[in-house]
Amino acid sequence: NYFVNKNIIIKDIDDYNFDGNFIESQAFAYLAIRSYLKL
């Protein structure tokens, strides 16, 4: 309701085949790999 701009599309990440409940836990699994590789 605070966005009156009709050109903005607000959608759940679930609509793009990602589970929105687990983005952060997946992120830290990913960050663990990057940390291990010194990235």
PDB file of all heavy atoms in Angstrom:
ATOM      1  N   ASN A   1       0.821  -1.222   0.000  1.00  0.00           N
ATOM      2  CA  ASN A   1       0.000   0.000   0.000  1.00  0.00           C
ATOM      3  C   ASN A   1       0.850   1.264   0.000  1.00  0.00           C
ATOM      4  O   ASN A   1       0.401   2.320  -0.461  1.00  0.00           O
ATOM      5  CB  ASN A   1      -0.936   0.014   1.208  1.00  0.00           C
ATOM      6  CG  ASN A   1      -2.041  -1.024   1.094  1.00  0.00           C
ATOM      7  OD1 ASN A   1      -2.309  -1.542   0.011  1.00  0.00           O
ATOM      8  ND2 ASN A   1      -2.669  -1.350   2.209  1.00  0.00           N
ATOM      9  N   TYR A   2       2.062   1.170   0.531  1.00  0.00           N
ATOM     10  CA  TYR A   2       2.950   2.339   0.553  1.00  0.00           C
ATOM     11  C   TYR A   2       3.598   2.591  -0.810  1.00  0.00           C
ATOM     12  O   TYR A   2       4.206   3.631  -1.026  1.00  0.00           O
ATOM     13  CB  TYR A   2       4.031   2.170   1.623  1.00  0.00           C
ATOM     14  CG  TYR A   2       3.579   2.567   3.011  1.00  0.00           C
ATOM     15  CD1 TYR A   2       3.510   1.646   4.037  1.00  0.00           C
ATOM     16  CD2 TYR A   2       3.216   3.888   3.294  1.00  0.00           C
ATOM     17  CE1 TYR A   2       3.101   2.006   5.320  1.00  0.00           C
ATOM     18  CE2 TYR A   2       2.808   4.261   4.565  1.00  0.00           C
ATOM     19  CZ  TYR A   2       2.753   3.319   5.572  1.00  0.00           C
ATOM     20  OH  TYR A   2       2.343   3.690   6.831  1.00  0.00           O
ATOM     21  N   PHE A   3       3.499   1.612  -1.709  1.00  0.00           N
ATOM     22  CA  PHE A   3       4.055   1.791  -3.046  1.00  0.00           C
ATOM     23  C   PHE A   3       2.909   2.018  -4.030  1.00  0.00           C
ATOM     24  O   PHE A   3       2.162   1.094  -4.361  1.00  0.00           O
ATOM     25  CB  PHE A   3       4.870   0.565  -3.474  1.00  0.00           C
ATOM     26  CG  PHE A   3       6.213   0.486  -2.820  1.00  0.00           C
ATOM     27  CD1 PHE A   3       6.417  -0.364  -1.747  1.00  0.00           C
ATOM     28  CD2 PHE A   3       7.267   1.257  -3.266  1.00  0.00           C
ATOM     29  CE1 PHE A   3       7.653  -0.446  -1.129  1.00  0.00           C
ATOM     30  CE2 PHE A   3       8.510   1.188  -2.660  1.00  0.00           C
ATOM     31  CZ  PHE A   3       8.703   0.341  -1.588  1.00  0.00           C
ATOM     32  N   VAL A   4       2.776   3.237  -4.493  1.00  0.00           N
ATOM     33  CA  VAL A   4       1.701   3.561  -5.434  1.00  0.00           C
ATOM     34  C   VAL A   4       2.145   3.368  -6.879  1.00  0.00           C
ATOM     35  O   VAL A   4       1.334   3.426  -7.791  1.00  0.00           O
ATOM     36  CB  VAL A   4       1.211   5.015  -5.228  1.00  0.00           C
ATOM     37  CG1 VAL A   4       0.585   5.159  -3.860  1.00  0.00           C
ATOM     38  CG2 VAL A   4       2.363   6.013  -5.386  1.00  0.00           C
ATOM     39  N   ASN A   5       3.452   3.147  -7.059  1.00  0.00           N
ATOM     40  CA  ASN A   5       3.987   2.947  -8.403  1.00  0.00           C
ATOM     41  C   ASN A   5       3.528   1.597  -8.948  1.00  0.00           C
ATOM     42  O   ASN A   5       3.924   0.548  -8.469  1.00  0.00           O
ATOM     43  CB  ASN A   5       5.522   3.004  -8.366  1.00  0.00           C
ATOM     44  CG  ASN A   5       6.124   2.984  -9.758  1.00  0.00           C
ATOM     45  OD1 ASN A   5       5.488   2.574 -10.721  1.00  0.00           O
ATOM     46  ND2 ASN A   5       7.355   3.440  -9.871  1.00  0.00           N
ATOM     47  N   LYS A   6       2.670   1.621  -9.946  1.00  0.00           N
ATOM     48  CA  LYS A   6       2.103   0.385 -10.494  1.00  0.00           C
ATOM     49  C   LYS A   6       3.125  -0.428 -11.276  1.00  0.00           C
ATOM     50  O   LYS A   6       2.863  -1.564 -11.647  1.00  0.00           O
ATOM     51  CB  LYS A   6       0.918   0.723 -11.402  1.00  0.00           C
ATOM     52  CG  LYS A   6      -0.204   1.495 -10.709  1.00  0.00           C
ATOM     53  CD  LYS A   6      -0.788   0.729  -9.545  1.00  0.00           C
ATOM     54  CE  LYS A   6      -1.940   1.490  -8.919  1.00  0.00           C
ATOM     55  NZ  LYS A   6      -2.496   0.801  -7.736  1.00  0.00           N
ATOM     56  N   ASN A   7       4.295   0.149 -11.559  1.00  0.00           N
ATOM     57  CA  ASN A   7       5.313  -0.586 -12.302  1.00  0.00           C
ATOM     58  C   ASN A   7       6.110  -1.543 -11.428  1.00  0.00           C
ATOM     59  O   ASN A   7       6.924  -2.312 -11.922  1.00  0.00           O
ATOM     60  CB  ASN A   7       6.273   0.392 -12.992  1.00  0.00           C
ATOM     61  CG  ASN A   7       5.606   1.162 -14.117  1.00  0.00           C
ATOM     62  OD1 ASN A   7       4.769   0.601 -14.821  1.00  0.00           O
ATOM     63  ND2 ASN A   7       5.940   2.423 -14.265  1.00  0.00           N
ATOM     64  N   ILE A   8       5.917  -1.486 -10.114  1.00  0.00           N
ATOM     65  CA  ILE A   8       6.648  -2.343  -9.193  1.00  0.00           C
ATOM     66  C   ILE A   8       5.901  -3.663  -8.998  1.00  0.00           C
ATOM     67  O   ILE A   8       4.704  -3.680  -8.738  1.00  0.00           O
ATOM     68  CB  ILE A   8       6.848  -1.639  -7.834  1.00  0.00           C
ATOM     69  CG1 ILE A   8       7.835  -0.468  -7.986  1.00  0.00           C
ATOM     70  CG2 ILE A   8       7.362  -2.615  -6.785  1.00  0.00           C
ATOM     71  CD1 ILE A   8       8.010   0.341  -6.727  1.00  0.00           C
ATOM     72  N   ILE A   9       6.625  -4.752  -9.135  1.00  0.00           N
ATOM     73  CA  ILE A   9       6.065  -6.076  -8.899  1.00  0.00           C
ATOM     74  C   ILE A   9       6.706  -6.649  -7.639  1.00  0.00           C
ATOM     75  O   ILE A   9       7.927  -6.829  -7.581  1.00  0.00           O
ATOM     76  CB  ILE A   9       6.322  -7.016 -10.091  1.00  0.00           C
ATOM     77  CG1 ILE A   9       5.603  -6.497 -11.345  1.00  0.00           C
ATOM     78  CG2 ILE A   9       5.862  -8.435  -9.765  1.00  0.00           C
ATOM     79  CD1 ILE A   9       5.906  -7.293 -12.596  1.00  0.00           C
ATOM     80  N   ILE A  10       5.891  -6.893  -6.608  1.00  0.00           N
ATOM     81  CA  ILE A  10       6.373  -7.464  -5.351  1.00  0.00           C
ATOM     82  C   ILE A  10       5.913  -8.908  -5.281  1.00  0.00           C
ATOM     83  O   ILE A  10       4.714  -9.196  -5.278  1.00  0.00           O
ATOM     84  CB  ILE A  10       5.834  -6.667  -4.138  1.00  0.00           C
ATOM     85  CG1 ILE A  10       6.277  -5.200  -4.224  1.00  0.00           C
ATOM     86  CG2 ILE A  10       6.309  -7.295  -2.838  1.00  0.00           C
ATOM     87  CD1 ILE A  10       5.715  -4.327  -3.119  1.00  0.00           C
ATOM     88  N   LYS A  11       6.882  -9.837  -5.252  1.00  0.00           N
ATOM     89  CA  LYS A  11       6.534 -11.257  -5.250  1.00  0.00           C
ATOM     90  C   LYS A  11       7.402 -12.023  -4.259  1.00  0.00           C
ATOM     91  O   LYS A  11       8.557 -11.659  -4.008  1.00  0.00           O
ATOM     92  CB  LYS A  11       6.720 -11.857  -6.648  1.00  0.00           C
ATOM     93  CG  LYS A  11       5.800 -11.272  -7.709  1.00  0.00           C
ATOM     94  CD  LYS A  11       6.016 -11.922  -9.062  1.00  0.00           C
ATOM     95  CE  LYS A  11       5.460 -13.324  -9.116  1.00  0.00           C
ATOM     96  NZ  LYS A  11       5.491 -13.895 -10.490  1.00  0.00           N
ATOM     97  N   ASP A  12       6.846 -13.104  -3.713  1.00  0.00           N
ATOM     98  CA  ASP A  12       7.630 -14.015  -2.876  1.00  0.00           C
ATOM     99  C   ASP A  12       8.701 -14.688  -3.709  1.00  0.00           C
ATOM    100  O   ASP A  12       8.489 -15.016  -4.885  1.00  0.00           O
ATOM    101  CB  ASP A  12       6.728 -15.109  -2.290  1.00  0.00           C
ATOM    102  CG  ASP A  12       5.868 -14.604  -1.147  1.00  0.00           C
ATOM    103  OD1 ASP A  12       5.962 -13.407  -0.825  1.00  0.00           O
ATOM    104  OD2 ASP A  12       5.098 -15.408  -0.596  1.00  0.00           O
ATOM    105  N   ILE A  13       9.826 -14.946  -3.079  1.00  0.00           N
ATOM    106  CA  ILE A  13      10.887 -15.665  -3.778  1.00  0.00           C
ATOM    107  C   ILE A  13      10.445 -17.091  -4.114  1.00  0.00           C
ATOM    108  O   ILE A  13      10.965 -17.709  -5.045  1.00  0.00           O
ATOM    109  CB  ILE A  13      12.183 -15.680  -2.929  1.00  0.00           C
ATOM    110  CG1 ILE A  13      13.397 -15.983  -3.809  1.00  0.00           C
ATOM    111  CG2 ILE A  13      12.070 -16.650  -1.749  1.00  0.00           C
ATOM    112  CD1 ILE A  13      14.725 -15.688  -3.134  1.00  0.00           C
ATOM    113  N   ASP A  14       9.434 -17.590  -3.376  1.00  0.00           N
ATOM    114  CA  ASP A  14       8.884 -18.923  -3.657  1.00  0.00           C
ATOM    115  C   ASP A  14       8.327 -19.009  -5.078  1.00  0.00           C
ATOM    116  O   ASP A  14       8.327 -20.089  -5.683  1.00  0.00           O
ATOM    117  CB  ASP A  14       7.773 -19.252  -2.661  1.00  0.00           C
ATOM    118  CG  ASP A  14       8.221 -19.097  -1.217  1.00  0.00           C
ATOM    119  OD1 ASP A  14       8.473 -17.958  -0.800  1.00  0.00           O
ATOM    120  OD2 ASP A  14       8.324 -20.115  -0.520  1.00  0.00           O
ATOM    121  N   ASP A  15       7.860 -17.873  -5.601  1.00  0.00           N
ATOM    122  CA  ASP A  15       7.313 -17.859  -6.958  1.00  0.00           C
ATOM    123  C   ASP A  15       8.391 -18.085  -8.011  1.00  0.00           C
ATOM    124  O   ASP A  15       8.084 -18.310  -9.185  1.00  0.00           O
ATOM    125  CB  ASP A  15       6.608 -16.523  -7.238  1.00  0.00           C
ATOM    126  CG  ASP A  15       5.370 -16.335  -6.374  1.00  0.00           C
ATOM    127  OD1 ASP A  15       4.748 -17.349  -6.003  1.00  0.00           O
ATOM    128  OD2 ASP A  15       5.032 -15.178  -6.051  1.00  0.00           O
ATOM    129  N   TYR A  16       9.659 -18.008  -7.576  1.00  0.00           N
ATOM    130  CA  TYR A  16      10.778 -18.226  -8.493  1.00  0.00           C
ATOM    131  C   TYR A  16      11.515 -19.532  -8.171  1.00  0.00           C
ATOM    132  O   TYR A  16      12.703 -19.688  -8.454  1.00  0.00           O
ATOM    133  CB  TYR A  16      11.748 -17.042  -8.421  1.00  0.00           C
ATOM    134  CG  TYR A  16      11.101 -15.727  -8.805  1.00  0.00           C
ATOM    135  CD1 TYR A  16      10.747 -14.798  -7.830  1.00  0.00           C
ATOM    136  CD2 TYR A  16      10.826 -15.422 -10.140  1.00  0.00           C
ATOM    137  CE1 TYR A  16      10.148 -13.595  -8.172  1.00  0.00           C
ATOM    138  CE2 TYR A  16      10.223 -14.227 -10.491  1.00  0.00           C
ATOM    139  CZ  TYR A  16       9.885 -13.317  -9.501  1.00  0.00           C
ATOM    140  OH  TYR A  16       9.281 -12.127  -9.842  1.00  0.00           O
ATOM    141  N   ASN A  17      10.781 -20.458  -7.549  1.00  0.00           N
ATOM    142  CA  ASN A  17      11.285 -21.810  -7.263  1.00  0.00           C
ATOM    143  C   ASN A  17      12.395 -21.849  -6.208  1.00  0.00           C
ATOM    144  O   ASN A  17      13.254 -22.745  -6.227  1.00  0.00           O
ATOM    145  CB  ASN A  17      11.754 -22.511  -8.545  1.00  0.00           C
ATOM    146  CG  ASN A  17      10.621 -22.740  -9.522  1.00  0.00           C
ATOM    147  OD1 ASN A  17       9.446 -22.809  -9.129  1.00  0.00           O
ATOM    148  ND2 ASN A  17      10.945 -22.826 -10.802  1.00  0.00           N
ATOM    149  N   PHE A  18      12.394 -20.879  -5.297  1.00  0.00           N
ATOM    150  CA  PHE A  18      13.246 -20.933  -4.115  1.00  0.00           C
ATOM    151  C   PHE A  18      12.329 -20.998  -2.893  1.00  0.00           C
ATOM    152  O   PHE A  18      11.258 -20.393  -2.878  1.00  0.00           O
ATOM    153  CB  PHE A  18      14.142 -19.695  -4.009  1.00  0.00           C
ATOM    154  CG  PHE A  18      15.329 -19.725  -4.918  1.00  0.00           C
ATOM    155  CD1 PHE A  18      15.242 -19.230  -6.216  1.00  0.00           C
ATOM    156  CD2 PHE A  18      16.542 -20.244  -4.491  1.00  0.00           C
ATOM    157  CE1 PHE A  18      16.329 -19.248  -7.068  1.00  0.00           C
ATOM    158  CE2 PHE A  18      17.645 -20.279  -5.338  1.00  0.00           C
ATOM    159  CZ  PHE A  18      17.539 -19.777  -6.630  1.00  0.00           C
ATOM    160  N   ASP A  19      12.756 -21.716  -1.868  1.00  0.00           N
ATOM    161  CA  ASP A  19      11.979 -21.784  -0.636  1.00  0.00           C
ATOM    162  C   ASP A  19      12.373 -20.606   0.252  1.00  0.00           C
ATOM    163  O   ASP A  19      13.473 -20.566   0.800  1.00  0.00           O
ATOM    164  CB  ASP A  19      12.238 -23.105   0.094  1.00  0.00           C
ATOM    165  CG  ASP A  19      11.268 -23.334   1.257  1.00  0.00           C
ATOM    166  OD1 ASP A  19      10.846 -22.343   1.883  1.00  0.00           O
ATOM    167  OD2 ASP A  19      10.937 -24.503   1.538  1.00  0.00           O
ATOM    168  N   GLY A  20      11.472 -19.649   0.394  1.00  0.00           N
ATOM    169  CA  GLY A  20      11.763 -18.425   1.121  1.00  0.00           C
ATOM    170  C   GLY A  20      12.029 -18.608   2.593  1.00  0.00           C
ATOM    171  O   GLY A  20      12.536 -17.690   3.260  1.00  0.00           O
ATOM    172  N   ASN A  21      11.712 -19.798   3.137  1.00  0.00           N
ATOM    173  CA  ASN A  21      11.991 -20.059   4.547  1.00  0.00           C
ATOM    174  C   ASN A  21      13.457 -20.363   4.809  1.00  0.00           C
ATOM    175  O   ASN A  21      13.911 -20.275   5.958  1.00  0.00           O
ATOM    176  CB  ASN A  21      11.171 -21.256   5.042  1.00  0.00           C
ATOM    177  CG  ASN A  21       9.690 -20.968   5.092  1.00  0.00           C
ATOM    178  OD1 ASN A  21       9.287 -19.825   5.274  1.00  0.00           O
ATOM    179  ND2 ASN A  21       8.877 -21.996   4.919  1.00  0.00           N
ATOM    180  N   PHE A  22      14.189 -20.741   3.752  1.00  0.00           N
ATOM    181  CA  PHE A  22      15.530 -21.282   3.967  1.00  0.00           C
ATOM    182  C   PHE A  22      16.627 -20.538   3.209  1.00  0.00           C
ATOM    183  O   PHE A  22      17.717 -21.076   3.026  1.00  0.00           O
ATOM    184  CB  PHE A  22      15.554 -22.768   3.595  1.00  0.00           C
ATOM    185  CG  PHE A  22      14.657 -23.609   4.453  1.00  0.00           C
ATOM    186  CD1 PHE A  22      13.404 -23.997   4.000  1.00  0.00           C
ATOM    187  CD2 PHE A  22      15.045 -23.979   5.723  1.00  0.00           C
ATOM    188  CE1 PHE A  22      12.561 -24.761   4.790  1.00  0.00           C
ATOM    189  CE2 PHE A  22      14.211 -24.745   6.536  1.00  0.00           C
ATOM    190  CZ  PHE A  22      12.968 -25.134   6.075  1.00  0.00           C
ATOM    191  N   ILE A  23      16.363 -19.324   2.795  1.00  0.00           N
ATOM    192  CA  ILE A  23      17.384 -18.567   2.064  1.00  0.00           C
ATOM    193  C   ILE A  23      18.605 -18.314   2.941  1.00  0.00           C
ATOM    194  O   ILE A  23      19.757 -18.464   2.496  1.00  0.00           O
ATOM    195  CB  ILE A  23      16.816 -17.241   1.530  1.00  0.00           C
ATOM    196  CG1 ILE A  23      15.665 -17.501   0.552  1.00  0.00           C
ATOM    197  CG2 ILE A  23      17.908 -16.412   0.865  1.00  0.00           C
ATOM    198  CD1 ILE A  23      16.040 -18.342  -0.641  1.00  0.00           C
ATOM    199  N   GLU A  24      18.376 -17.957   4.207  1.00  0.00           N
ATOM    200  CA  GLU A  24      19.520 -17.653   5.073  1.00  0.00           C
ATOM    201  C   GLU A  24      20.318 -18.903   5.449  1.00  0.00           C
ATOM    202  O   GLU A  24      21.545 -18.865   5.498  1.00  0.00           O
ATOM    203  CB  GLU A  24      19.059 -16.916   6.331  1.00  0.00           C
ATOM    204  CG  GLU A  24      18.699 -15.468   6.072  1.00  0.00           C
ATOM    205  CD  GLU A  24      18.617 -14.658   7.355  1.00  0.00           C
ATOM    206  OE1 GLU A  24      17.666 -14.866   8.123  1.00  0.00           O
ATOM    207  OE2 GLU A  24      19.508 -13.822   7.581  1.00  0.00           O
ATOM    208  N   SER A  25      19.645 -20.002   5.722  1.00  0.00           N
ATOM    209  CA  SER A  25      20.392 -21.229   6.038  1.00  0.00           C
ATOM    210  C   SER A  25      21.157 -21.723   4.810  1.00  0.00           C
ATOM    211  O   SER A  25      22.299 -22.188   4.920  1.00  0.00           O
ATOM    212  CB  SER A  25      19.459 -22.314   6.581  1.00  0.00           C
ATOM    213  OG  SER A  25      18.336 -22.509   5.756  1.00  0.00           O
ATOM    214  N   GLN A  26      20.568 -21.587   3.632  1.00  0.00           N
ATOM    215  CA  GLN A  26      21.303 -21.920   2.410  1.00  0.00           C
ATOM    216  C   GLN A  26      22.482 -20.970   2.228  1.00  0.00           C
ATOM    217  O   GLN A  26      23.572 -21.389   1.811  1.00  0.00           O
ATOM    218  CB  GLN A  26      20.373 -21.833   1.199  1.00  0.00           C
ATOM    219  CG  GLN A  26      19.324 -22.929   1.142  1.00  0.00           C
ATOM    220  CD  GLN A  26      18.389 -22.785  -0.045  1.00  0.00           C
ATOM    221  OE1 GLN A  26      18.405 -21.785  -0.756  1.00  0.00           O
ATOM    222  NE2 GLN A  26      17.556 -23.801  -0.269  1.00  0.00           N
ATOM    223  N   ALA A  27      22.254 -19.713   2.559  1.00  0.00           N
ATOM    224  CA  ALA A  27      23.318 -18.716   2.424  1.00  0.00           C
ATOM    225  C   ALA A  27      24.522 -19.081   3.282  1.00  0.00           C
ATOM    226  O   ALA A  27      25.674 -18.972   2.831  1.00  0.00           O
ATOM    227  CB  ALA A  27      22.803 -17.332   2.797  1.00  0.00           C
ATOM    228  N   PHE A  28      24.288 -19.515   4.514  1.00  0.00           N
ATOM    229  CA  PHE A  28      25.428 -19.824   5.384  1.00  0.00           C
ATOM    230  C   PHE A  28      26.092 -21.141   5.018  1.00  0.00           C
ATOM    231  O   PHE A  28      27.285 -21.331   5.299  1.00  0.00           O
ATOM    232  CB  PHE A  28      25.019 -19.745   6.853  1.00  0.00           C
ATOM    233  CG  PHE A  28      25.012 -18.322   7.351  1.00  0.00           C
ATOM    234  CD1 PHE A  28      23.851 -17.581   7.362  1.00  0.00           C
ATOM    235  CD2 PHE A  28      26.194 -17.701   7.726  1.00  0.00           C
ATOM    236  CE1 PHE A  28      23.851 -16.252   7.759  1.00  0.00           C
ATOM    237  CE2 PHE A  28      26.212 -16.376   8.136  1.00  0.00           C
ATOM    238  CZ  PHE A  28      25.041 -15.644   8.157  1.00  0.00           C
ATOM    239  N   ALA A  29      25.376 -22.038   4.366  1.00  0.00           N
ATOM    240  CA  ALA A  29      26.034 -23.204   3.784  1.00  0.00           C
ATOM    241  C   ALA A  29      26.965 -22.756   2.654  1.00  0.00           C
ATOM    242  O   ALA A  29      28.088 -23.263   2.519  1.00  0.00           O
ATOM    243  CB  ALA A  29      24.989 -24.187   3.257  1.00  0.00           C
ATOM    244  N   TYR A  30      26.494 -21.800   1.870  1.00  0.00           N
ATOM    245  CA  TYR A  30      27.279 -21.233   0.766  1.00  0.00           C
ATOM    246  C   TYR A  30      28.465 -20.419   1.291  1.00  0.00           C
ATOM    247  O   TYR A  30      29.593 -20.540   0.796  1.00  0.00           O
ATOM    248  CB  TYR A  30      26.354 -20.361  -0.080  1.00  0.00           C
ATOM    249  CG  TYR A  30      26.970 -19.725  -1.298  1.00  0.00           C
ATOM    250  CD1 TYR A  30      27.339 -20.485  -2.405  1.00  0.00           C
ATOM    251  CD2 TYR A  30      27.149 -18.340  -1.361  1.00  0.00           C
ATOM    252  CE1 TYR A  30      27.880 -19.895  -3.535  1.00  0.00           C
ATOM    253  CE2 TYR A  30      27.685 -17.740  -2.489  1.00  0.00           C
ATOM    254  CZ  TYR A  30      28.049 -18.518  -3.577  1.00  0.00           C
ATOM    255  OH  TYR A  30      28.581 -17.921  -4.702  1.00  0.00           O
ATOM    256  N   LEU A  31      28.225 -19.618   2.323  1.00  0.00           N
ATOM    257  CA  LEU A  31      29.301 -18.813   2.916  1.00  0.00           C
ATOM    258  C   LEU A  31      30.368 -19.699   3.550  1.00  0.00           C
ATOM    259  O   LEU A  31      31.545 -19.339   3.582  1.00  0.00           O
ATOM    260  CB  LEU A  31      28.735 -17.847   3.951  1.00  0.00           C
ATOM    261  CG  LEU A  31      27.818 -16.744   3.430  1.00  0.00           C
ATOM    262  CD1 LEU A  31      27.269 -15.914   4.587  1.00  0.00           C
ATOM    263  CD2 LEU A  31      28.536 -15.845   2.438  1.00  0.00           C
ATOM    264  N   ALA A  32      29.958 -20.854   4.065  1.00  0.00           N
ATOM    265  CA  ALA A  32      30.937 -21.789   4.627  1.00  0.00           C
ATOM    266  C   ALA A  32      31.905 -22.258   3.550  1.00  0.00           C
ATOM    267  O   ALA A  32      33.119 -22.336   3.774  1.00  0.00           O
ATOM    268  CB  ALA A  32      30.211 -22.983   5.260  1.00  0.00           C
ATOM    269  N   ILE A  33      31.372 -22.555   2.375  1.00  0.00           N
ATOM    270  CA  ILE A  33      32.232 -22.986   1.260  1.00  0.00           C
ATOM    271  C   ILE A  33      33.165 -21.864   0.860  1.00  0.00           C
ATOM    272  O   ILE A  33      34.377 -22.068   0.679  1.00  0.00           O
ATOM    273  CB  ILE A  33      31.371 -23.437   0.064  1.00  0.00           C
ATOM    274  CG1 ILE A  33      30.495 -24.629   0.446  1.00  0.00           C
ATOM    275  CG2 ILE A  33      32.259 -23.801  -1.130  1.00  0.00           C
ATOM    276  CD1 ILE A  33      29.431 -24.987  -0.578  1.00  0.00           C
ATOM    277  N   ARG A  34      32.618 -20.659   0.725  1.00  0.00           N
ATOM    278  CA  ARG A  34      33.460 -19.520   0.323  1.00  0.00           C
ATOM    279  C   ARG A  34      34.529 -19.223   1.380  1.00  0.00           C
ATOM    280  O   ARG A  34      35.666 -18.901   1.040  1.00  0.00           O
ATOM    281  CB  ARG A  34      32.593 -18.288   0.075  1.00  0.00           C
ATOM    282  CG  ARG A  34      31.741 -18.393  -1.183  1.00  0.00           C
ATOM    283  CD  ARG A  34      30.998 -17.107  -1.480  1.00  0.00           C
ATOM    284  NE  ARG A  34      31.887 -16.003  -1.841  1.00  0.00           N
ATOM    285  CZ  ARG A  34      32.333 -15.765  -3.070  1.00  0.00           C
ATOM    286  NH1 ARG A  34      31.986 -16.555  -4.072  1.00  0.00           N
ATOM    287  NH2 ARG A  34      33.121 -14.728  -3.316  1.00  0.00           N
ATOM    288  N   SER A  35      34.159 -19.345   2.645  1.00  0.00           N
ATOM    289  CA  SER A  35      35.141 -19.121   3.706  1.00  0.00           C
ATOM    290  C   SER A  35      36.254 -20.168   3.649  1.00  0.00           C
ATOM    291  O   SER A  35      37.433 -19.852   3.798  1.00  0.00           O
ATOM    292  CB  SER A  35      34.461 -19.163   5.079  1.00  0.00           C
ATOM    293  OG  SER A  35      33.544 -18.107   5.232  1.00  0.00           O
ATOM    294  N   TYR A  36      35.874 -21.412   3.422  1.00  0.00           N
ATOM    295  CA  TYR A  36      36.854 -22.496   3.335  1.00  0.00           C
ATOM    296  C   TYR A  36      37.815 -22.266   2.169  1.00  0.00           C
ATOM    297  O   TYR A  36      39.013 -22.549   2.268  1.00  0.00           O
ATOM    298  CB  TYR A  36      36.130 -23.828   3.179  1.00  0.00           C
ATOM    299  CG  TYR A  36      37.048 -25.021   3.134  1.00  0.00           C
ATOM    300  CD1 TYR A  36      37.665 -25.497   4.292  1.00  0.00           C
ATOM    301  CD2 TYR A  36      37.297 -25.683   1.929  1.00  0.00           C
ATOM    302  CE1 TYR A  36      38.509 -26.594   4.252  1.00  0.00           C
ATOM    303  CE2 TYR A  36      38.141 -26.776   1.882  1.00  0.00           C
ATOM    304  CZ  TYR A  36      38.745 -27.230   3.043  1.00  0.00           C
ATOM    305  OH  TYR A  36      39.592 -28.313   2.999  1.00  0.00           O
ATOM    306  N   LEU A  37      37.283 -21.715   1.080  1.00  0.00           N
ATOM    307  CA  LEU A  37      38.103 -21.445  -0.115  1.00  0.00           C
ATOM    308  C   LEU A  37      38.797 -20.085  -0.066  1.00  0.00           C
ATOM    309  O   LEU A  37      39.458 -19.694  -1.028  1.00  0.00           O
ATOM    310  CB  LEU A  37      37.221 -21.520  -1.370  1.00  0.00           C
ATOM    311  CG  LEU A  37      36.610 -22.892  -1.681  1.00  0.00           C
ATOM    312  CD1 LEU A  37      35.630 -22.791  -2.836  1.00  0.00           C
ATOM    313  CD2 LEU A  37      37.705 -23.918  -1.994  1.00  0.00           C
ATOM    314  N   LYS A  38      38.602 -19.353   1.053  1.00  0.00           N
ATOM    315  CA  LYS A  38      39.183 -18.017   1.240  1.00  0.00           C
ATOM    316  C   LYS A  38      38.648 -17.008   0.216  1.00  0.00           C
ATOM    317  O   LYS A  38      39.333 -16.043  -0.158  1.00  0.00           O
ATOM    318  CB  LYS A  38      40.720 -18.057   1.169  1.00  0.00           C
ATOM    319  CG  LYS A  38      41.363 -19.020   2.143  1.00  0.00           C
ATOM    320  CD  LYS A  38      41.068 -18.667   3.585  1.00  0.00           C
ATOM    321  CE  LYS A  38      41.769 -19.603   4.562  1.00  0.00           C
ATOM    322  NZ  LYS A  38      41.400 -19.330   5.981  1.00  0.00           N
ATOM    323  N   LEU A  39      37.412 -17.231  -0.226  1.00  0.00           N
ATOM    324  CA  LEU A  39      36.759 -16.287  -1.134  1.00  0.00           C
ATOM    325  C   LEU A  39      36.032 -15.220  -0.311  1.00  0.00           C
ATOM    326  O   LEU A  39      35.581 -15.491   0.810  1.00  0.00           O
ATOM    327  CB  LEU A  39      35.763 -17.018  -2.034  1.00  0.00           C
ATOM    328  CG  LEU A  39      36.354 -18.044  -3.004  1.00  0.00           C
ATOM    329  CD1 LEU A  39      35.239 -18.833  -3.674  1.00  0.00           C
ATOM    330  CD2 LEU A  39      37.242 -17.368  -4.033  1.00  0.00           C
TER     331      LEU A  39
END
